[in-house]
Amino acid sequence: SFGHAAFFGSAAYITGYLIKSQNFTPEL
């Protein structure tokens, strides 16, 4: 696969947004 960065980066953005803007706990 030449597209695995898509999963790495999308998860990074999802986690960052939820923790920073939606006040999710780290594990969630």
PDB file of all heavy atoms in Angstrom:
ATOM      1  N   SER A   1       0.840  -1.195   0.000  1.00  0.00           N
ATOM      2  CA  SER A   1       0.000   0.000   0.000  1.00  0.00           C
ATOM      3  C   SER A   1       0.875   1.246   0.000  1.00  0.00           C
ATOM      4  O   SER A   1       1.795   1.368   0.811  1.00  0.00           O
ATOM      5  CB  SER A   1      -0.908   0.009   1.236  1.00  0.00           C
ATOM      6  OG  SER A   1      -1.517   1.271   1.399  1.00  0.00           O
ATOM      7  N   PHE A   2       0.561   2.181  -0.891  1.00  0.00           N
ATOM      8  CA  PHE A   2       1.235   3.476  -0.916  1.00  0.00           C
ATOM      9  C   PHE A   2       0.381   4.562  -0.266  1.00  0.00           C
ATOM     10  O   PHE A   2       0.718   5.733  -0.346  1.00  0.00           O
ATOM     11  CB  PHE A   2       1.551   3.889  -2.360  1.00  0.00           C
ATOM     12  CG  PHE A   2       2.772   3.253  -2.925  1.00  0.00           C
ATOM     13  CD1 PHE A   2       2.729   2.602  -4.154  1.00  0.00           C
ATOM     14  CD2 PHE A   2       3.975   3.280  -2.245  1.00  0.00           C
ATOM     15  CE1 PHE A   2       3.857   2.002  -4.690  1.00  0.00           C
ATOM     16  CE2 PHE A   2       5.106   2.674  -2.766  1.00  0.00           C
ATOM     17  CZ  PHE A   2       5.049   2.036  -3.992  1.00  0.00           C
ATOM     18  N   GLY A   3      -0.710   4.154   0.394  1.00  0.00           N
ATOM     19  CA  GLY A   3      -1.616   5.150   0.957  1.00  0.00           C
ATOM     20  C   GLY A   3      -1.830   5.042   2.447  1.00  0.00           C
ATOM     21  O   GLY A   3      -2.816   5.579   2.975  1.00  0.00           O
ATOM     22  N   HIS A   4      -0.926   4.363   3.156  1.00  0.00           N
ATOM     23  CA  HIS A   4      -1.145   4.166   4.586  1.00  0.00           C
ATOM     24  C   HIS A   4      -1.037   5.453   5.397  1.00  0.00           C
ATOM     25  O   HIS A   4      -1.531   5.520   6.527  1.00  0.00           O
ATOM     26  CB  HIS A   4      -0.168   3.111   5.125  1.00  0.00           C
ATOM     27  CG  HIS A   4      -0.839   1.801   5.420  1.00  0.00           C
ATOM     28  ND1 HIS A   4      -1.639   1.158   4.511  1.00  0.00           N
ATOM     29  CD2 HIS A   4      -0.856   1.021   6.538  1.00  0.00           C
ATOM     30  CE1 HIS A   4      -2.104   0.035   5.047  1.00  0.00           C
ATOM     31  NE2 HIS A   4      -1.656  -0.052   6.271  1.00  0.00           N
ATOM     32  N   ALA A   5      -0.400   6.474   4.843  1.00  0.00           N
ATOM     33  CA  ALA A   5      -0.346   7.757   5.541  1.00  0.00           C
ATOM     34  C   ALA A   5      -1.746   8.332   5.725  1.00  0.00           C
ATOM     35  O   ALA A   5      -1.986   9.113   6.655  1.00  0.00           O
ATOM     36  CB  ALA A   5       0.530   8.738   4.765  1.00  0.00           C
ATOM     37  N   ALA A   6      -2.678   7.961   4.850  1.00  0.00           N
ATOM     38  CA  ALA A   6      -4.056   8.449   4.978  1.00  0.00           C
ATOM     39  C   ALA A   6      -4.662   8.021   6.306  1.00  0.00           C
ATOM     40  O   ALA A   6      -5.375   8.797   6.960  1.00  0.00           O
ATOM     41  CB  ALA A   6      -4.902   7.929   3.812  1.00  0.00           C
ATOM     42  N   PHE A   7      -4.392   6.797   6.734  1.00  0.00           N
ATOM     43  CA  PHE A   7      -4.932   6.298   8.001  1.00  0.00           C
ATOM     44  C   PHE A   7      -4.197   6.920   9.186  1.00  0.00           C
ATOM     45  O   PHE A   7      -4.814   7.273  10.186  1.00  0.00           O
ATOM     46  CB  PHE A   7      -4.832   4.779   8.047  1.00  0.00           C
ATOM     47  CG  PHE A   7      -5.270   4.109   6.779  1.00  0.00           C
ATOM     48  CD1 PHE A   7      -4.461   3.190   6.125  1.00  0.00           C
ATOM     49  CD2 PHE A   7      -6.495   4.420   6.208  1.00  0.00           C
ATOM     50  CE1 PHE A   7      -4.857   2.590   4.952  1.00  0.00           C
ATOM     51  CE2 PHE A   7      -6.917   3.822   5.024  1.00  0.00           C
ATOM     52  CZ  PHE A   7      -6.086   2.905   4.391  1.00  0.00           C
ATOM     53  N   PHE A   8      -2.886   7.055   9.050  1.00  0.00           N
ATOM     54  CA  PHE A   8      -2.067   7.659  10.104  1.00  0.00           C
ATOM     55  C   PHE A   8      -2.490   9.108  10.327  1.00  0.00           C
ATOM     56  O   PHE A   8      -2.756   9.527  11.460  1.00  0.00           O
ATOM     57  CB  PHE A   8      -0.594   7.581   9.689  1.00  0.00           C
ATOM     58  CG  PHE A   8       0.372   8.104  10.710  1.00  0.00           C
ATOM     59  CD1 PHE A   8       0.772   7.320  11.785  1.00  0.00           C
ATOM     60  CD2 PHE A   8       0.907   9.381  10.593  1.00  0.00           C
ATOM     61  CE1 PHE A   8       1.675   7.791  12.721  1.00  0.00           C
ATOM     62  CE2 PHE A   8       1.811   9.864  11.515  1.00  0.00           C
ATOM     63  CZ  PHE A   8       2.201   9.068  12.591  1.00  0.00           C
ATOM     64  N   GLY A   9      -2.560   9.881   9.236  1.00  0.00           N
ATOM     65  CA  GLY A   9      -2.873  11.298   9.355  1.00  0.00           C
ATOM     66  C   GLY A   9      -4.315  11.578   9.715  1.00  0.00           C
ATOM     67  O   GLY A   9      -4.605  12.477  10.516  1.00  0.00           O
ATOM     68  N   SER A  10      -5.251  10.822   9.146  1.00  0.00           N
ATOM     69  CA  SER A  10      -6.668  11.060   9.458  1.00  0.00           C
ATOM     70  C   SER A  10      -6.950  10.783  10.932  1.00  0.00           C
ATOM     71  O   SER A  10      -7.683  11.543  11.585  1.00  0.00           O
ATOM     72  CB  SER A  10      -7.559  10.190   8.573  1.00  0.00           C
ATOM     73  OG  SER A  10      -7.281   8.808   8.758  1.00  0.00           O
ATOM     74  N   ALA A  11      -6.357   9.725  11.472  1.00  0.00           N
ATOM     75  CA  ALA A  11      -6.530   9.436  12.900  1.00  0.00           C
ATOM     76  C   ALA A  11      -5.903  10.533  13.755  1.00  0.00           C
ATOM     77  O   ALA A  11      -6.446  10.910  14.803  1.00  0.00           O
ATOM     78  CB  ALA A  11      -5.909   8.083  13.241  1.00  0.00           C
ATOM     79  N   ALA A  12      -4.758  11.052  13.307  1.00  0.00           N
ATOM     80  CA  ALA A  12      -4.104  12.141  14.037  1.00  0.00           C
ATOM     81  C   ALA A  12      -5.019  13.364  14.104  1.00  0.00           C
ATOM     82  O   ALA A  12      -5.165  13.998  15.164  1.00  0.00           O
ATOM     83  CB  ALA A  12      -2.780  12.503  13.362  1.00  0.00           C
ATOM     84  N   TYR A  13      -5.660  13.699  12.987  1.00  0.00           N
ATOM     85  CA  TYR A  13      -6.570  14.837  12.956  1.00  0.00           C
ATOM     86  C   TYR A  13      -7.827  14.583  13.780  1.00  0.00           C
ATOM     87  O   TYR A  13      -8.295  15.462  14.520  1.00  0.00           O
ATOM     88  CB  TYR A  13      -6.964  15.162  11.515  1.00  0.00           C
ATOM     89  CG  TYR A  13      -5.973  16.043  10.793  1.00  0.00           C
ATOM     90  CD1 TYR A  13      -5.215  15.554   9.734  1.00  0.00           C
ATOM     91  CD2 TYR A  13      -5.803  17.377  11.167  1.00  0.00           C
ATOM     92  CE1 TYR A  13      -4.309  16.363   9.063  1.00  0.00           C
ATOM     93  CE2 TYR A  13      -4.901  18.197  10.502  1.00  0.00           C
ATOM     94  CZ  TYR A  13      -4.155  17.690   9.451  1.00  0.00           C
ATOM     95  OH  TYR A  13      -3.257  18.493   8.797  1.00  0.00           O
ATOM     96  N   ILE A  14      -8.396  13.380  13.657  1.00  0.00           N
ATOM     97  CA  ILE A  14      -9.615  13.067  14.407  1.00  0.00           C
ATOM     98  C   ILE A  14      -9.357  13.168  15.908  1.00  0.00           C
ATOM     99  O   ILE A  14     -10.118  13.803  16.648  1.00  0.00           O
ATOM    100  CB  ILE A  14     -10.116  11.655  14.041  1.00  0.00           C
ATOM    101  CG1 ILE A  14     -10.636  11.635  12.603  1.00  0.00           C
ATOM    102  CG2 ILE A  14     -11.216  11.206  15.008  1.00  0.00           C
ATOM    103  CD1 ILE A  14     -10.934  10.243  12.075  1.00  0.00           C
ATOM    104  N   THR A  15      -8.272  12.560  16.358  1.00  0.00           N
ATOM    105  CA  THR A  15      -7.944  12.590  17.784  1.00  0.00           C
ATOM    106  C   THR A  15      -7.660  14.008  18.257  1.00  0.00           C
ATOM    107  O   THR A  15      -8.150  14.442  19.307  1.00  0.00           O
ATOM    108  CB  THR A  15      -6.721  11.694  18.067  1.00  0.00           C
ATOM    109  OG1 THR A  15      -7.035  10.348  17.707  1.00  0.00           O
ATOM    110  CG2 THR A  15      -6.335  11.742  19.532  1.00  0.00           C
ATOM    111  N   GLY A  16      -6.856  14.746  17.479  1.00  0.00           N
ATOM    112  CA  GLY A  16      -6.528  16.116  17.862  1.00  0.00           C
ATOM    113  C   GLY A  16      -7.756  16.997  17.953  1.00  0.00           C
ATOM    114  O   GLY A  16      -7.915  17.783  18.910  1.00  0.00           O
ATOM    115  N   TYR A  17      -8.662  16.881  16.979  1.00  0.00           N
ATOM    116  CA  TYR A  17      -9.867  17.716  16.977  1.00  0.00           C
ATOM    117  C   TYR A  17     -10.781  17.370  18.149  1.00  0.00           C
ATOM    118  O   TYR A  17     -11.290  18.268  18.835  1.00  0.00           O
ATOM    119  CB  TYR A  17     -10.618  17.523  15.655  1.00  0.00           C
ATOM    120  CG  TYR A  17     -11.979  18.175  15.639  1.00  0.00           C
ATOM    121  CD1 TYR A  17     -12.112  19.553  15.524  1.00  0.00           C
ATOM    122  CD2 TYR A  17     -13.139  17.399  15.753  1.00  0.00           C
ATOM    123  CE1 TYR A  17     -13.365  20.150  15.514  1.00  0.00           C
ATOM    124  CE2 TYR A  17     -14.391  17.988  15.748  1.00  0.00           C
ATOM    125  CZ  TYR A  17     -14.501  19.359  15.633  1.00  0.00           C
ATOM    126  OH  TYR A  17     -15.731  19.948  15.634  1.00  0.00           O
ATOM    127  N   LEU A  18     -10.993  16.084  18.389  1.00  0.00           N
ATOM    128  CA  LEU A  18     -11.912  15.685  19.449  1.00  0.00           C
ATOM    129  C   LEU A  18     -11.389  16.069  20.829  1.00  0.00           C
ATOM    130  O   LEU A  18     -12.162  16.482  21.701  1.00  0.00           O
ATOM    131  CB  LEU A  18     -12.166  14.173  19.373  1.00  0.00           C
ATOM    132  CG  LEU A  18     -12.960  13.687  18.162  1.00  0.00           C
ATOM    133  CD1 LEU A  18     -13.071  12.171  18.169  1.00  0.00           C
ATOM    134  CD2 LEU A  18     -14.347  14.320  18.123  1.00  0.00           C
ATOM    135  N   ILE A  19     -10.088  15.936  21.027  1.00  0.00           N
ATOM    136  CA  ILE A  19      -9.517  16.283  22.335  1.00  0.00           C
ATOM    137  C   ILE A  19      -9.476  17.789  22.534  1.00  0.00           C
ATOM    138  O   ILE A  19      -9.812  18.306  23.614  1.00  0.00           O
ATOM    139  CB  ILE A  19      -8.109  15.674  22.479  1.00  0.00           C
ATOM    140  CG1 ILE A  19      -8.200  14.151  22.546  1.00  0.00           C
ATOM    141  CG2 ILE A  19      -7.407  16.223  23.725  1.00  0.00           C
ATOM    142  CD1 ILE A  19      -6.854  13.458  22.610  1.00  0.00           C
ATOM    143  N   LYS A  20      -9.085  18.515  21.484  1.00  0.00           N
ATOM    144  CA  LYS A  20      -8.921  19.965  21.622  1.00  0.00           C
ATOM    145  C   LYS A  20     -10.253  20.711  21.602  1.00  0.00           C
ATOM    146  O   LYS A  20     -10.483  21.607  22.421  1.00  0.00           O
ATOM    147  CB  LYS A  20      -8.028  20.484  20.501  1.00  0.00           C
ATOM    148  CG  LYS A  20      -7.765  21.988  20.574  1.00  0.00           C
ATOM    149  CD  LYS A  20      -6.860  22.451  19.454  1.00  0.00           C
ATOM    150  CE  LYS A  20      -6.599  23.954  19.529  1.00  0.00           C
ATOM    151  NZ  LYS A  20      -5.724  24.419  18.438  1.00  0.00           N
ATOM    152  N   SER A  21     -11.134  20.347  20.683  1.00  0.00           N
ATOM    153  CA  SER A  21     -12.367  21.114  20.486  1.00  0.00           C
ATOM    154  C   SER A  21     -13.593  20.515  21.167  1.00  0.00           C
ATOM    155  O   SER A  21     -14.523  21.241  21.502  1.00  0.00           O
ATOM    156  CB  SER A  21     -12.654  21.258  18.984  1.00  0.00           C
ATOM    157  OG  SER A  21     -11.579  21.900  18.320  1.00  0.00           O
ATOM    158  N   GLN A  22     -13.597  19.201  21.350  1.00  0.00           N
ATOM    159  CA  GLN A  22     -14.766  18.543  21.933  1.00  0.00           C
ATOM    160  C   GLN A  22     -14.520  18.027  23.343  1.00  0.00           C
ATOM    161  O   GLN A  22     -15.387  17.355  23.915  1.00  0.00           O
ATOM    162  CB  GLN A  22     -15.202  17.378  21.029  1.00  0.00           C
ATOM    163  CG  GLN A  22     -15.494  17.789  19.596  1.00  0.00           C
ATOM    164  CD  GLN A  22     -16.610  18.804  19.490  1.00  0.00           C
ATOM    165  OE1 GLN A  22     -17.622  18.680  20.193  1.00  0.00           O
ATOM    166  NE2 GLN A  22     -16.446  19.813  18.641  1.00  0.00           N
ATOM    167  N   ASN A  23     -13.337  18.303  23.874  1.00  0.00           N
ATOM    168  CA  ASN A  23     -12.985  17.949  25.256  1.00  0.00           C
ATOM    169  C   ASN A  23     -13.076  16.451  25.538  1.00  0.00           C
ATOM    170  O   ASN A  23     -13.452  16.024  26.634  1.00  0.00           O
ATOM    171  CB  ASN A  23     -13.885  18.711  26.249  1.00  0.00           C
ATOM    172  CG  ASN A  23     -13.707  20.217  26.148  1.00  0.00           C
ATOM    173  OD1 ASN A  23     -12.582  20.711  26.020  1.00  0.00           O
ATOM    174  ND2 ASN A  23     -14.804  20.953  26.173  1.00  0.00           N
ATOM    175  N   PHE A  24     -12.720  15.649  24.532  1.00  0.00           N
ATOM    176  CA  PHE A  24     -12.645  14.208  24.748  1.00  0.00           C
ATOM    177  C   PHE A  24     -11.440  13.882  25.638  1.00  0.00           C
ATOM    178  O   PHE A  24     -10.431  14.577  25.606  1.00  0.00           O
ATOM    179  CB  PHE A  24     -12.493  13.480  23.414  1.00  0.00           C
ATOM    180  CG  PHE A  24     -13.798  13.157  22.731  1.00  0.00           C
ATOM    181  CD1 PHE A  24     -14.823  14.096  22.666  1.00  0.00           C
ATOM    182  CD2 PHE A  24     -14.009  11.918  22.146  1.00  0.00           C
ATOM    183  CE1 PHE A  24     -16.020  13.804  22.030  1.00  0.00           C
ATOM    184  CE2 PHE A  24     -15.202  11.621  21.510  1.00  0.00           C
ATOM    185  CZ  PHE A  24     -16.203  12.563  21.452  1.00  0.00           C
ATOM    186  N   THR A  25     -11.563  12.811  26.415  1.00  0.00           N
ATOM    187  CA  THR A  25     -10.411  12.324  27.166  1.00  0.00           C
ATOM    188  C   THR A  25      -9.449  11.621  26.201  1.00  0.00           C
ATOM    189  O   THR A  25      -9.850  11.202  25.114  1.00  0.00           O
ATOM    190  CB  THR A  25     -10.857  11.351  28.267  1.00  0.00           C
ATOM    191  OG1 THR A  25     -11.627  10.298  27.681  1.00  0.00           O
ATOM    192  CG2 THR A  25     -11.679  12.061  29.326  1.00  0.00           C
ATOM    193  N   PRO A  26      -8.172  11.484  26.566  1.00  0.00           N
ATOM    194  CA  PRO A  26      -7.195  10.898  25.641  1.00  0.00           C
ATOM    195  C   PRO A  26      -7.575   9.517  25.125  1.00  0.00           C
ATOM    196  O   PRO A  26      -7.423   9.237  23.930  1.00  0.00           O
ATOM    197  CB  PRO A  26      -5.906  10.848  26.473  1.00  0.00           C
ATOM    198  CG  PRO A  26      -6.079  11.877  27.516  1.00  0.00           C
ATOM    199  CD  PRO A  26      -7.544  11.917  27.822  1.00  0.00           C
ATOM    200  N   GLU A  27      -8.068   8.645  26.017  1.00  0.00           N
ATOM    201  CA  GLU A  27      -8.377   7.283  25.576  1.00  0.00           C
ATOM    202  C   GLU A  27      -9.542   7.269  24.587  1.00  0.00           C
ATOM    203  O   GLU A  27      -9.524   6.515  23.613  1.00  0.00           O
ATOM    204  CB  GLU A  27      -8.659   6.369  26.773  1.00  0.00           C
ATOM    205  CG  GLU A  27      -9.959   6.607  27.512  1.00  0.00           C
ATOM    206  CD  GLU A  27      -9.906   7.771  28.489  1.00  0.00           C
ATOM    207  OE1 GLU A  27      -8.831   8.398  28.601  1.00  0.00           O
ATOM    208  OE2 GLU A  27     -10.935   8.057  29.130  1.00  0.00           O
ATOM    209  N   LEU A  28     -10.539   8.142  24.806  1.00  0.00           N
ATOM    210  CA  LEU A  28     -11.660   8.210  23.866  1.00  0.00           C
ATOM    211  C   LEU A  28     -11.209   8.805  22.530  1.00  0.00           C
ATOM    212  O   LEU A  28     -11.666   8.379  21.465  1.00  0.00           O
ATOM    213  CB  LEU A  28     -12.802   9.044  24.456  1.00  0.00           C
ATOM    214  CG  LEU A  28     -13.561   8.423  25.635  1.00  0.00           C
ATOM    215  CD1 LEU A  28     -14.642   9.369  26.136  1.00  0.00           C
ATOM    216  CD2 LEU A  28     -14.162   7.083  25.246  1.00  0.00           C
TER     217      LEU A  28
END
